[in-house]
PDB file of N, CA and C in Angstrom:
ATOM      1  N   UNK A   1       0.845  -1.165   0.000  1.00  0.00           N
ATOM      2  CA  UNK A   1       0.000   0.000   0.000  1.00  0.00           C
ATOM      3  C   UNK A   1       0.898   1.238   0.000  1.00  0.00           C
ATOM      4  N   UNK A   2       0.651   2.101  -0.984  1.00  0.00           N
ATOM      5  CA  UNK A   2       1.472   3.301  -1.089  1.00  0.00           C
ATOM      6  C   UNK A   2       0.574   4.510  -1.328  1.00  0.00           C
ATOM      7  N   UNK A   3       0.481   5.360  -0.330  1.00  0.00           N
ATOM      8  CA  UNK A   3      -0.300   6.581  -0.471  1.00  0.00           C
ATOM      9  C   UNK A   3       0.543   7.635  -1.173  1.00  0.00           C
ATOM     10  N   UNK A   4      -0.085   8.400  -2.048  1.00  0.00           N
ATOM     11  CA  UNK A   4       0.572   9.503  -2.728  1.00  0.00           C
ATOM     12  C   UNK A   4       0.694  10.643  -1.715  1.00  0.00           C
ATOM     13  N   UNK A   5       1.916  10.982  -1.338  1.00  0.00           N
ATOM     14  CA  UNK A   5       2.154  12.006  -0.324  1.00  0.00           C
ATOM     15  C   UNK A   5       1.574  13.363  -0.739  1.00  0.00           C
ATOM     16  N   UNK A   6       1.530  13.619  -2.024  1.00  0.00           N
ATOM     17  CA  UNK A   6       0.977  14.879  -2.498  1.00  0.00           C
ATOM     18  C   UNK A   6      -0.522  14.967  -2.178  1.00  0.00           C
ATOM     19  N   UNK A   7      -1.232  13.856  -2.315  1.00  0.00           N
ATOM     20  CA  UNK A   7      -2.668  13.828  -2.052  1.00  0.00           C
ATOM     21  C   UNK A   7      -2.949  13.635  -0.565  1.00  0.00           C
ATOM     22  N   UNK A   8      -2.137  12.840   0.112  1.00  0.00           N
ATOM     23  CA  UNK A   8      -2.387  12.481   1.513  1.00  0.00           C
ATOM     24  C   UNK A   8      -2.192  13.646   2.480  1.00  0.00           C
ATOM     25  N   UNK A   9      -1.470  14.674   2.096  1.00  0.00           N
ATOM     26  CA  UNK A   9      -1.286  15.841   2.964  1.00  0.00           C
ATOM     27  C   UNK A   9      -2.643  16.423   3.322  1.00  0.00           C
ATOM     28  N   UNK A  10      -2.922  16.645   4.601  1.00  0.00           N
ATOM     29  CA  UNK A  10      -4.260  17.109   5.008  1.00  0.00           C
ATOM     30  C   UNK A  10      -4.748  18.374   4.304  1.00  0.00           C
ATOM     31  N   UNK A  11      -3.896  19.350   4.144  1.00  0.00           N
ATOM     32  CA  UNK A  11      -4.305  20.593   3.482  1.00  0.00           C
ATOM     33  C   UNK A  11      -4.643  20.372   2.017  1.00  0.00           C
ATOM     34  N   UNK A  12      -3.797  19.634   1.329  1.00  0.00           N
ATOM     35  CA  UNK A  12      -4.041  19.373  -0.092  1.00  0.00           C
ATOM     36  C   UNK A  12      -5.251  18.461  -0.282  1.00  0.00           C
ATOM     37  N   UNK A  13      -5.446  17.531   0.642  1.00  0.00           N
ATOM     38  CA  UNK A  13      -6.611  16.649   0.569  1.00  0.00           C
ATOM     39  C   UNK A  13      -7.898  17.458   0.743  1.00  0.00           C
ATOM     40  N   UNK A  14      -7.867  18.447   1.623  1.00  0.00           N
ATOM     41  CA  UNK A  14      -9.040  19.324   1.801  1.00  0.00           C
ATOM     42  C   UNK A  14      -9.353  20.082   0.510  1.00  0.00           C
ATOM     43  N   UNK A  15      -8.311  20.571  -0.142  1.00  0.00           N
ATOM     44  CA  UNK A  15      -8.497  21.300  -1.401  1.00  0.00           C
ATOM     45  C   UNK A  15      -9.100  20.382  -2.457  1.00  0.00           C
ATOM     46  N   UNK A  16      -8.525  19.203  -2.622  1.00  0.00           N
ATOM     47  CA  UNK A  16      -9.011  18.272  -3.646  1.00  0.00           C
ATOM     48  C   UNK A  16     -10.457  17.860  -3.395  1.00  0.00           C
ATOM     49  N   UNK A  17     -10.791  17.562  -2.151  1.00  0.00           N
ATOM     50  CA  UNK A  17     -12.158  17.131  -1.866  1.00  0.00           C
ATOM     51  C   UNK A  17     -13.151  18.281  -2.035  1.00  0.00           C
ATOM     52  N   UNK A  18     -12.749  19.485  -1.685  1.00  0.00           N
ATOM     53  CA  UNK A  18     -13.635  20.646  -1.877  1.00  0.00           C
ATOM     54  C   UNK A  18     -13.879  20.883  -3.366  1.00  0.00           C
ATOM     55  N   UNK A  19     -12.830  20.762  -4.169  1.00  0.00           N
ATOM     56  CA  UNK A  19     -12.967  20.993  -5.604  1.00  0.00           C
ATOM     57  C   UNK A  19     -13.651  19.836  -6.313  1.00  0.00           C
ATOM     58  N   UNK A  20     -13.686  18.655  -5.695  1.00  0.00           N
ATOM     59  CA  UNK A  20     -14.390  17.521  -6.298  1.00  0.00           C
ATOM     60  C   UNK A  20     -15.884  17.812  -6.358  1.00  0.00           C
ATOM     61  N   UNK A  21     -16.374  18.630  -5.420  1.00  0.00           N
ATOM     62  CA  UNK A  21     -17.794  18.985  -5.401  1.00  0.00           C
ATOM     63  C   UNK A  21     -18.110  20.069  -6.430  1.00  0.00           C
ATOM     64  N   UNK A  22     -17.241  21.067  -6.555  1.00  0.00           N
ATOM     65  CA  UNK A  22     -17.476  22.153  -7.513  1.00  0.00           C
ATOM     66  C   UNK A  22     -16.240  23.037  -7.626  1.00  0.00           C
ATOM     67  N   UNK A  23     -16.137  23.743  -8.746  1.00  0.00           N
ATOM     68  CA  UNK A  23     -15.092  24.745  -8.907  1.00  0.00           C
ATOM     69  C   UNK A  23     -15.360  25.855  -7.895  1.00  0.00           C
ATOM     70  N   UNK A  24     -14.283  26.495  -7.432  1.00  0.00           N
ATOM     71  CA  UNK A  24     -14.459  27.532  -6.422  1.00  0.00           C
ATOM     72  C   UNK A  24     -13.447  28.641  -6.627  1.00  0.00           C
ATOM     73  N   UNK A  25     -13.829  29.845  -6.188  1.00  0.00           N
ATOM     74  CA  UNK A  25     -12.857  30.928  -6.196  1.00  0.00           C
ATOM     75  C   UNK A  25     -12.065  30.871  -4.888  1.00  0.00           C
ATOM     76  N   UNK A  26     -11.073  31.726  -4.768  1.00  0.00           N
ATOM     77  CA  UNK A  26     -10.153  31.679  -3.632  1.00  0.00           C
ATOM     78  C   UNK A  26     -10.889  31.808  -2.298  1.00  0.00           C
ATOM     79  N   UNK A  27     -11.803  32.755  -2.209  1.00  0.00           N
ATOM     80  CA  UNK A  27     -12.512  33.001  -0.950  1.00  0.00           C
ATOM     81  C   UNK A  27     -13.377  31.796  -0.581  1.00  0.00           C
ATOM     82  N   UNK A  28     -14.080  31.228  -1.555  1.00  0.00           N
ATOM     83  CA  UNK A  28     -14.905  30.045  -1.293  1.00  0.00           C
ATOM     84  C   UNK A  28     -14.039  28.870  -0.832  1.00  0.00           C
ATOM     85  N   UNK A  29     -12.920  28.659  -1.531  1.00  0.00           N
ATOM     86  CA  UNK A  29     -12.047  27.536  -1.208  1.00  0.00           C
ATOM     87  C   UNK A  29     -11.395  27.725   0.160  1.00  0.00           C
ATOM     88  N   UNK A  30     -11.033  28.946   0.468  1.00  0.00           N
ATOM     89  CA  UNK A  30     -10.463  29.230   1.793  1.00  0.00           C
ATOM     90  C   UNK A  30     -11.477  28.895   2.879  1.00  0.00           C
ATOM     91  N   UNK A  31     -12.722  29.255   2.679  1.00  0.00           N
ATOM     92  CA  UNK A  31     -13.768  28.946   3.642  1.00  0.00           C
ATOM     93  C   UNK A  31     -14.028  27.450   3.751  1.00  0.00           C
ATOM     94  N   UNK A  32     -14.040  26.772   2.624  1.00  0.00           N
ATOM     95  CA  UNK A  32     -14.320  25.329   2.614  1.00  0.00           C
ATOM     96  C   UNK A  32     -13.204  24.517   3.268  1.00  0.00           C
ATOM     97  N   UNK A  33     -11.969  24.976   3.111  1.00  0.00           N
ATOM     98  CA  UNK A  33     -10.817  24.216   3.623  1.00  0.00           C
ATOM     99  C   UNK A  33     -10.346  24.690   4.994  1.00  0.00           C
ATOM    100  N   UNK A  34     -10.744  25.898   5.383  1.00  0.00           N
ATOM    101  CA  UNK A  34     -10.293  26.501   6.642  1.00  0.00           C
ATOM    102  C   UNK A  34      -8.768  26.662   6.689  1.00  0.00           C
ATOM    103  N   UNK A  35      -8.153  26.852   5.515  1.00  0.00           N
ATOM    104  CA  UNK A  35      -6.710  27.098   5.438  1.00  0.00           C
ATOM    105  C   UNK A  35      -6.457  28.600   5.417  1.00  0.00           C
ATOM    106  N   UNK A  36      -5.285  29.000   5.904  1.00  0.00           N
ATOM    107  CA  UNK A  36      -4.916  30.420   5.829  1.00  0.00           C
ATOM    108  C   UNK A  36      -4.608  30.750   4.363  1.00  0.00           C
ATOM    109  N   UNK A  37      -4.561  32.028   4.053  1.00  0.00           N
ATOM    110  CA  UNK A  37      -4.262  32.457   2.687  1.00  0.00           C
ATOM    111  C   UNK A  37      -2.939  31.871   2.202  1.00  0.00           C
ATOM    112  N   UNK A  38      -1.918  31.952   3.043  1.00  0.00           N
ATOM    113  CA  UNK A  38      -0.596  31.453   2.659  1.00  0.00           C
ATOM    114  C   UNK A  38      -0.566  29.955   2.449  1.00  0.00           C
ATOM    115  N   UNK A  39      -1.206  29.196   3.357  1.00  0.00           N
ATOM    116  CA  UNK A  39      -1.241  27.743   3.201  1.00  0.00           C
ATOM    117  C   UNK A  39      -2.023  27.344   1.964  1.00  0.00           C
ATOM    118  N   UNK A  40      -3.150  27.996   1.738  1.00  0.00           N
ATOM    119  CA  UNK A  40      -3.954  27.687   0.560  1.00  0.00           C
ATOM    120  C   UNK A  40      -3.164  27.957  -0.715  1.00  0.00           C
ATOM    121  N   UNK A  41      -2.488  29.083  -0.767  1.00  0.00           N
ATOM    122  CA  UNK A  41      -1.695  29.424  -1.952  1.00  0.00           C
ATOM    123  C   UNK A  41      -0.570  28.422  -2.194  1.00  0.00           C
ATOM    124  N   UNK A  42       0.127  28.066  -1.137  1.00  0.00           N
ATOM    125  CA  UNK A  42       1.254  27.130  -1.256  1.00  0.00           C
ATOM    126  C   UNK A  42       0.781  25.752  -1.706  1.00  0.00           C
ATOM    127  N   UNK A  43      -0.259  25.236  -1.042  1.00  0.00           N
ATOM    128  CA  UNK A  43      -0.772  23.913  -1.408  1.00  0.00           C
ATOM    129  C   UNK A  43      -1.354  23.923  -2.821  1.00  0.00           C
ATOM    130  N   UNK A  44      -2.052  24.980  -3.188  1.00  0.00           N
ATOM    131  CA  UNK A  44      -2.630  25.080  -4.529  1.00  0.00           C
ATOM    132  C   UNK A  44      -1.538  25.088  -5.590  1.00  0.00           C
ATOM    133  N   UNK A  45      -0.444  25.774  -5.307  1.00  0.00           N
ATOM    134  CA  UNK A  45       0.664  25.831  -6.263  1.00  0.00           C
ATOM    135  C   UNK A  45       1.244  24.431  -6.487  1.00  0.00           C
ATOM    136  N   UNK A  46       1.397  23.657  -5.408  1.00  0.00           N
ATOM    137  CA  UNK A  46       1.919  22.289  -5.541  1.00  0.00           C
ATOM    138  C   UNK A  46       0.961  21.405  -6.320  1.00  0.00           C
ATOM    139  N   UNK A  47      -0.338  21.540  -6.057  1.00  0.00           N
ATOM    140  CA  UNK A  47      -1.326  20.734  -6.778  1.00  0.00           C
ATOM    141  C   UNK A  47      -1.394  21.137  -8.253  1.00  0.00           C
ATOM    142  N   UNK A  48      -1.234  22.427  -8.521  1.00  0.00           N
ATOM    143  CA  UNK A  48      -1.235  22.901  -9.906  1.00  0.00           C
ATOM    144  C   UNK A  48      -0.004  22.367 -10.648  1.00  0.00           C
ATOM    145  N   UNK A  49       1.143  22.409 -10.006  1.00  0.00           N
ATOM    146  CA  UNK A  49       2.381  21.905 -10.616  1.00  0.00           C
ATOM    147  C   UNK A  49       2.248  20.418 -10.958  1.00  0.00           C
ATOM    148  N   UNK A  50       1.545  19.667 -10.118  1.00  0.00           N
ATOM    149  CA  UNK A  50       1.334  18.232 -10.353  1.00  0.00           C
ATOM    150  C   UNK A  50       0.260  17.979 -11.407  1.00  0.00           C
ATOM    151  N   UNK A  51      -0.466  19.019 -11.790  1.00  0.00           N
ATOM    152  CA  UNK A  51      -1.524  18.868 -12.778  1.00  0.00           C
ATOM    153  C   UNK A  51      -2.844  18.406 -12.185  1.00  0.00           C
ATOM    154  N   UNK A  52      -2.986  18.497 -10.855  1.00  0.00           N
ATOM    155  CA  UNK A  52      -4.197  18.024 -10.187  1.00  0.00           C
ATOM    156  C   UNK A  52      -5.300  19.083 -10.148  1.00  0.00           C
ATOM    157  N   UNK A  53      -4.915  20.344 -10.184  1.00  0.00           N
ATOM    158  CA  UNK A  53      -5.914  21.411 -10.230  1.00  0.00           C
ATOM    159  C   UNK A  53      -5.513  22.428 -11.303  1.00  0.00           C
ATOM    160  N   UNK A  54      -6.508  23.134 -11.793  1.00  0.00           N
ATOM    161  CA  UNK A  54      -6.268  24.235 -12.728  1.00  0.00           C
ATOM    162  C   UNK A  54      -6.556  25.532 -11.976  1.00  0.00           C
ATOM    163  N   UNK A  55      -5.735  26.530 -12.214  1.00  0.00           N
ATOM    164  CA  UNK A  55      -5.892  27.827 -11.562  1.00  0.00           C
ATOM    165  C   UNK A  55      -6.156  28.862 -12.646  1.00  0.00           C
ATOM    166  N   UNK A  56      -7.234  29.619 -12.468  1.00  0.00           N
ATOM    167  CA  UNK A  56      -7.619  30.639 -13.434  1.00  0.00           C
ATOM    168  C   UNK A  56      -7.579  32.000 -12.753  1.00  0.00           C
ATOM    169  N   UNK A  57      -6.891  32.935 -13.392  1.00  0.00           N
ATOM    170  CA  UNK A  57      -6.827  34.305 -12.870  1.00  0.00           C
ATOM    171  C   UNK A  57      -7.529  35.203 -13.877  1.00  0.00           C
ATOM    172  N   UNK A  58      -8.471  35.986 -13.370  1.00  0.00           N
ATOM    173  CA  UNK A  58      -9.247  36.864 -14.236  1.00  0.00           C
ATOM    174  C   UNK A  58      -9.688  38.092 -13.449  1.00  0.00           C
ATOM    175  N   UNK A  59     -10.285  39.021 -14.163  1.00  0.00           N
ATOM    176  CA  UNK A  59     -10.844  40.206 -13.519  1.00  0.00           C
ATOM    177  C   UNK A  59     -12.354  40.106 -13.547  1.00  0.00           C
ATOM    178  N   UNK A  60     -12.984  40.287 -12.374  1.00  0.00           N
ATOM    179  CA  UNK A  60     -14.439  40.346 -12.264  1.00  0.00           C
ATOM    180  C   UNK A  60     -14.792  41.686 -11.649  1.00  0.00           C
ATOM    181  N   UNK A  61     -15.591  42.426 -12.359  1.00  0.00           N
ATOM    182  CA  UNK A  61     -15.989  43.760 -11.892  1.00  0.00           C
ATOM    183  C   UNK A  61     -14.771  44.608 -11.540  1.00  0.00           C
ATOM    184  N   UNK A  62     -13.721  44.492 -12.346  1.00  0.00           N
ATOM    185  CA  UNK A  62     -12.518  45.291 -12.160  1.00  0.00           C
ATOM    186  C   UNK A  62     -11.588  44.806 -11.065  1.00  0.00           C
ATOM    187  N   UNK A  63     -11.890  43.658 -10.454  1.00  0.00           N
ATOM    188  CA  UNK A  63     -11.050  43.143  -9.363  1.00  0.00           C
ATOM    189  C   UNK A  63     -10.438  41.810  -9.780  1.00  0.00           C
ATOM    190  N   UNK A  64      -9.160  41.594  -9.430  1.00  0.00           N
ATOM    191  CA  UNK A  64      -8.547  40.311  -9.762  1.00  0.00           C
ATOM    192  C   UNK A  64      -9.162  39.182  -8.927  1.00  0.00           C
ATOM    193  N   UNK A  65      -9.435  38.068  -9.596  1.00  0.00           N
ATOM    194  CA  UNK A  65     -10.036  36.909  -8.946  1.00  0.00           C
ATOM    195  C   UNK A  65      -9.286  35.656  -9.368  1.00  0.00           C
ATOM    196  N   UNK A  66      -9.057  34.767  -8.403  1.00  0.00           N
ATOM    197  CA  UNK A  66      -8.429  33.485  -8.682  1.00  0.00           C
ATOM    198  C   UNK A  66      -9.456  32.396  -8.437  1.00  0.00           C
ATOM    199  N   UNK A  67      -9.618  31.521  -9.420  1.00  0.00           N
ATOM    200  CA  UNK A  67     -10.547  30.409  -9.309  1.00  0.00           C
ATOM    201  C   UNK A  67      -9.785  29.099  -9.499  1.00  0.00           C
ATOM    202  N   UNK A  68     -10.339  28.037  -8.936  1.00  0.00           N
ATOM    203  CA  UNK A  68      -9.694  26.726  -8.967  1.00  0.00           C
ATOM    204  C   UNK A  68     -10.671  25.682  -9.474  1.00  0.00           C
ATOM    205  N   UNK A  69     -10.152  24.697 -10.189  1.00  0.00           N
ATOM    206  CA  UNK A  69     -10.960  23.576 -10.674  1.00  0.00           C
ATOM    207  C   UNK A  69     -10.132  22.305 -10.566  1.00  0.00           C
ATOM    208  N   UNK A  70     -10.793  21.209 -10.264  1.00  0.00           N
ATOM    209  CA  UNK A  70     -10.144  19.907 -10.207  1.00  0.00           C
ATOM    210  C   UNK A  70     -10.000  19.385 -11.633  1.00  0.00           C
ATOM    211  N   UNK A  71      -8.822  18.930 -11.995  1.00  0.00           N
ATOM    212  CA  UNK A  71      -8.599  18.366 -13.323  1.00  0.00           C
ATOM    213  C   UNK A  71      -8.955  16.883 -13.321  1.00  0.00           C
ATOM    214  N   UNK A  72      -9.015  16.286 -14.496  1.00  0.00           N
ATOM    215  CA  UNK A  72      -9.280  14.841 -14.601  1.00  0.00           C
ATOM    216  C   UNK A  72      -8.191  14.062 -13.876  1.00  0.00           C
ATOM    217  N   UNK A  73      -6.963  14.527 -13.988  1.00  0.00           N
ATOM    218  CA  UNK A  73      -5.834  13.887 -13.303  1.00  0.00           C
ATOM    219  C   UNK A  73      -5.988  13.998 -11.783  1.00  0.00           C
ATOM    220  N   UNK A  74      -6.452  15.138 -11.319  1.00  0.00           N
ATOM    221  CA  UNK A  74      -6.665  15.350  -9.889  1.00  0.00           C
ATOM    222  C   UNK A  74      -7.789  14.479  -9.352  1.00  0.00           C
ATOM    223  N   UNK A  75      -8.859  14.357 -10.134  1.00  0.00           N
ATOM    224  CA  UNK A  75      -9.978  13.495  -9.714  1.00  0.00           C
ATOM    225  C   UNK A  75      -9.509  12.045  -9.639  1.00  0.00           C
ATOM    226  N   UNK A  76      -8.718  11.627 -10.608  1.00  0.00           N
ATOM    227  CA  UNK A  76      -8.186  10.263 -10.613  1.00  0.00           C
ATOM    228  C   UNK A  76      -7.296  10.024  -9.393  1.00  0.00           C
ATOM    229  N   UNK A  77      -6.429  10.972  -9.084  1.00  0.00           N
ATOM    230  CA  UNK A  77      -5.541  10.836  -7.922  1.00  0.00           C
ATOM    231  C   UNK A  77      -6.348  10.765  -6.631  1.00  0.00           C
ATOM    232  N   UNK A  78      -7.418  11.563  -6.525  1.00  0.00           N
ATOM    233  CA  UNK A  78      -8.276  11.542  -5.344  1.00  0.00           C
ATOM    234  C   UNK A  78      -9.007  10.203  -5.233  1.00  0.00           C
ATOM    235  N   UNK A  79      -9.494   9.694  -6.351  1.00  0.00           N
ATOM    236  CA  UNK A  79     -10.172   8.391  -6.348  1.00  0.00           C
ATOM    237  C   UNK A  79      -9.215   7.274  -5.937  1.00  0.00           C
ATOM    238  N   UNK A  80      -7.986   7.311  -6.446  1.00  0.00           N
ATOM    239  CA  UNK A  80      -6.996   6.301  -6.057  1.00  0.00           C
ATOM    240  C   UNK A  80      -6.717   6.365  -4.565  1.00  0.00           C
ATOM    241  N   UNK A  81      -6.633   7.568  -4.030  1.00  0.00           N
ATOM    242  CA  UNK A  81      -6.387   7.743  -2.599  1.00  0.00           C
ATOM    243  C   UNK A  81      -7.541   7.136  -1.790  1.00  0.00           C
ATOM    244  N   UNK A  82      -8.758   7.404  -2.213  1.00  0.00           N
ATOM    245  CA  UNK A  82      -9.932   6.856  -1.521  1.00  0.00           C
ATOM    246  C   UNK A  82      -9.929   5.332  -1.592  1.00  0.00           C
ATOM    247  N   UNK A  83      -9.564   4.775  -2.735  1.00  0.00           N
ATOM    248  CA  UNK A  83      -9.500   3.314  -2.877  1.00  0.00           C
ATOM    249  C   UNK A  83      -8.432   2.729  -1.964  1.00  0.00           C
ATOM    250  N   UNK A  84      -7.302   3.408  -1.848  1.00  0.00           N
ATOM    251  CA  UNK A  84      -6.238   2.941  -0.951  1.00  0.00           C
ATOM    252  C   UNK A  84      -6.714   2.944   0.500  1.00  0.00           C
ATOM    253  N   UNK A  85      -7.425   3.994   0.891  1.00  0.00           N
ATOM    254  CA  UNK A  85      -7.952   4.059   2.256  1.00  0.00           C
ATOM    255  C   UNK A  85      -8.934   2.923   2.518  1.00  0.00           C
ATOM    256  N   UNK A  86      -9.843   2.698   1.576  1.00  0.00           N
ATOM    257  CA  UNK A  86     -10.810   1.616   1.740  1.00  0.00           C
ATOM    258  C   UNK A  86     -10.117   0.256   1.779  1.00  0.00           C
ATOM    259  N   UNK A  87      -9.112   0.100   0.959  1.00  0.00           N
ATOM    260  CA  UNK A  87      -8.352  -1.149   0.949  1.00  0.00           C
ATOM    261  C   UNK A  87      -7.641  -1.365   2.281  1.00  0.00           C
ATOM    262  N   UNK A  88      -7.133  -0.293   2.855  1.00  0.00           N
ATOM    263  CA  UNK A  88      -6.411  -0.387   4.129  1.00  0.00           C
ATOM    264  C   UNK A  88      -7.303  -0.880   5.258  1.00  0.00           C
ATOM    265  N   UNK A  89      -8.595  -0.573   5.182  1.00  0.00           N
ATOM    266  CA  UNK A  89      -9.505  -1.038   6.235  1.00  0.00           C
ATOM    267  C   UNK A  89     -10.269  -2.283   5.803  1.00  0.00           C
ATOM    268  N   UNK A  90      -9.888  -2.830   4.665  1.00  0.00           N
ATOM    269  CA  UNK A  90     -10.489  -4.075   4.196  1.00  0.00           C
ATOM    270  C   UNK A  90     -11.894  -3.912   3.653  1.00  0.00           C
ATOM    271  N   UNK A  91     -12.175  -2.764   3.085  1.00  0.00           N
ATOM    272  CA  UNK A  91     -13.507  -2.509   2.544  1.00  0.00           C
ATOM    273  C   UNK A  91     -13.424  -2.122   1.087  1.00  0.00           C
ATOM    274  N   UNK A  92     -14.505  -2.365   0.379  1.00  0.00           N
ATOM    275  CA  UNK A  92     -14.647  -1.865  -0.981  1.00  0.00           C
ATOM    276  C   UNK A  92     -15.608  -0.696  -0.904  1.00  0.00           C
ATOM    277  N   UNK A  93     -15.689   0.122  -1.928  1.00  0.00           N
ATOM    278  CA  UNK A  93     -16.599   1.256  -1.856  1.00  0.00           C
ATOM    279  C   UNK A  93     -18.043   0.843  -1.539  1.00  0.00           C
ATOM    280  N   UNK A  94     -18.505  -0.246  -2.117  1.00  0.00           N
ATOM    281  CA  UNK A  94     -19.882  -0.668  -1.883  1.00  0.00           C
ATOM    282  C   UNK A  94     -20.083  -1.180  -0.457  1.00  0.00           C
ATOM    283  N   UNK A  95     -19.136  -1.952   0.074  1.00  0.00           N
ATOM    284  CA  UNK A  95     -19.307  -2.461   1.436  1.00  0.00           C
ATOM    285  C   UNK A  95     -19.154  -1.339   2.452  1.00  0.00           C
ATOM    286  N   UNK A  96     -18.304  -0.382   2.161  1.00  0.00           N
ATOM    287  CA  UNK A  96     -18.129   0.748   3.085  1.00  0.00           C
ATOM    288  C   UNK A  96     -19.414   1.556   3.179  1.00  0.00           C
ATOM    289  N   UNK A  97     -20.074   1.787   2.057  1.00  0.00           N
ATOM    290  CA  UNK A  97     -21.325   2.542   2.058  1.00  0.00           C
ATOM    291  C   UNK A  97     -22.403   1.749   2.784  1.00  0.00           C
ATOM    292  N   UNK A  98     -22.508   0.454   2.486  1.00  0.00           N
ATOM    293  CA  UNK A  98     -23.520  -0.382   3.134  1.00  0.00           C
ATOM    294  C   UNK A  98     -23.284  -0.452   4.636  1.00  0.00           C
ATOM    295  N   UNK A  99     -22.030  -0.619   5.054  1.00  0.00           N
ATOM    296  CA  UNK A  99     -21.706  -0.679   6.477  1.00  0.00           C
ATOM    297  C   UNK A  99     -22.059   0.634   7.159  1.00  0.00           C
ATOM    298  N   UNK A 100     -21.761   1.727   6.511  1.00  0.00           N
ATOM    299  CA  UNK A 100     -22.070   3.048   7.065  1.00  0.00           C
ATOM    300  C   UNK A 100     -23.569   3.212   7.252  1.00  0.00           C
ATOM    301  N   UNK A 101     -24.350   2.765   6.281  1.00  0.00           N
ATOM    302  CA  UNK A 101     -25.805   2.881   6.386  1.00  0.00           C
ATOM    303  C   UNK A 101     -26.344   2.016   7.509  1.00  0.00           C
ATOM    304  N   UNK A 102     -25.809   0.802   7.647  1.00  0.00           N
ATOM    305  CA  UNK A 102     -26.256  -0.100   8.712  1.00  0.00           C
ATOM    306  C   UNK A 102     -25.942   0.506  10.071  1.00  0.00           C
ATOM    307  N   UNK A 103     -24.722   1.038  10.226  1.00  0.00           N
ATOM    308  CA  UNK A 103     -24.336   1.646  11.494  1.00  0.00           C
ATOM    309  C   UNK A 103     -25.191   2.865  11.798  1.00  0.00           C
ATOM    310  N   UNK A 104     -25.474   3.681  10.786  1.00  0.00           N
ATOM    311  CA  UNK A 104     -26.314   4.864  10.983  1.00  0.00           C
ATOM    312  C   UNK A 104     -27.717   4.454  11.394  1.00  0.00           C
ATOM    313  N   UNK A 105     -28.242   3.426  10.759  1.00  0.00           N
ATOM    314  CA  UNK A 105     -29.580   2.939  11.074  1.00  0.00           C
ATOM    315  C   UNK A 105     -29.635   2.404  12.503  1.00  0.00           C
ATOM    316  N   UNK A 106     -28.622   1.625  12.874  1.00  0.00           N
ATOM    317  CA  UNK A 106     -28.572   1.071  14.229  1.00  0.00           C
ATOM    318  C   UNK A 106     -28.449   2.185  15.259  1.00  0.00           C
ATOM    319  N   UNK A 107     -27.672   3.195  14.941  1.00  0.00           N
ATOM    320  CA  UNK A 107     -27.496   4.328  15.845  1.00  0.00           C
ATOM    321  C   UNK A 107     -28.811   5.076  16.043  1.00  0.00           C
ATOM    322  N   UNK A 108     -29.561   5.256  14.963  1.00  0.00           N
ATOM    323  CA  UNK A 108     -30.849   5.936  15.056  1.00  0.00           C
ATOM    324  C   UNK A 108     -31.838   5.119  15.878  1.00  0.00           C
ATOM    325  N   UNK A 109     -31.827   3.790  15.676  1.00  0.00           N
ATOM    326  CA  UNK A 109     -32.744   2.936  16.426  1.00  0.00           C
ATOM    327  C   UNK A 109     -32.428   2.964  17.914  1.00  0.00           C
ATOM    328  N   UNK A 110     -31.132   2.893  18.262  1.00  0.00           N
ATOM    329  CA  UNK A 110     -30.779   2.888  19.683  1.00  0.00           C
ATOM    330  C   UNK A 110     -31.072   4.236  20.328  1.00  0.00           C
ATOM    331  N   UNK A 111     -30.881   5.327  19.598  1.00  0.00           N
ATOM    332  CA  UNK A 111     -31.183   6.634  20.181  1.00  0.00           C
ATOM    333  C   UNK A 111     -32.687   6.825  20.318  1.00  0.00           C
ATOM    334  N   UNK A 112     -33.456   6.237  19.405  1.00  0.00           N
ATOM    335  CA  UNK A 112     -34.915   6.327  19.511  1.00  0.00           C
ATOM    336  C   UNK A 112     -35.398   5.556  20.731  1.00  0.00           C
ATOM    337  N   UNK A 113     -34.786   4.403  21.008  1.00  0.00           N
ATOM    338  CA  UNK A 113     -35.148   3.618  22.177  1.00  0.00           C
ATOM    339  C   UNK A 113     -34.843   4.368  23.453  1.00  0.00           C
ATOM    340  N   UNK A 114     -33.718   5.062  23.484  1.00  0.00           N
ATOM    341  CA  UNK A 114     -33.295   5.787  24.683  1.00  0.00           C
ATOM    342  C   UNK A 114     -34.236   6.932  25.010  1.00  0.00           C
ATOM    343  N   UNK A 115     -34.885   7.508  24.001  1.00  0.00           N
ATOM    344  CA  UNK A 115     -35.797   8.613  24.254  1.00  0.00           C
ATOM    345  C   UNK A 115     -37.022   8.166  25.054  1.00  0.00           C
ATOM    346  N   UNK A 116     -37.415   6.914  24.947  1.00  0.00           N
ATOM    347  CA  UNK A 116     -38.635   6.416  25.575  1.00  0.00           C
ATOM    348  C   UNK A 116     -38.374   5.741  26.921  1.00  0.00           C
ATOM    349  N   UNK A 117     -37.146   5.757  27.388  1.00  0.00           N
ATOM    350  CA  UNK A 117     -36.841   5.132  28.664  1.00  0.00           C
ATOM    351  C   UNK A 117     -37.309   6.051  29.790  1.00  0.00           C
ATOM    352  N   UNK A 118     -38.048   5.501  30.739  1.00  0.00           N
ATOM    353  CA  UNK A 118     -38.544   6.308  31.871  1.00  0.00           C
ATOM    354  C   UNK A 118     -37.594   6.269  33.037  1.00  0.00           C
TER     355      UNK A 118
END
């Protein structure tokens, strides 16, 4: 099992997962990742150099804006990382989802029972 250190870094992993949901500008991505401006810039530069994200600089309403998007290569790297994690715990994506649902259901049932205890 070999995790890609570029993806496994917590800050970069936050960026990749945030961008997997949607493209974002700098302010949105900073809020989603809770990274400081400097950390976000540094991690984004490394991900861009690796080809995992695309960075777009433009002017909106006369102000410079930086936007980020996950590339196909970045999505693939994120998917491989997720598969490695699931493999490490002995699960496949389908069994992990099913197990999570069963545990959530059991948790809801036990909490519902506790509400009715006198």
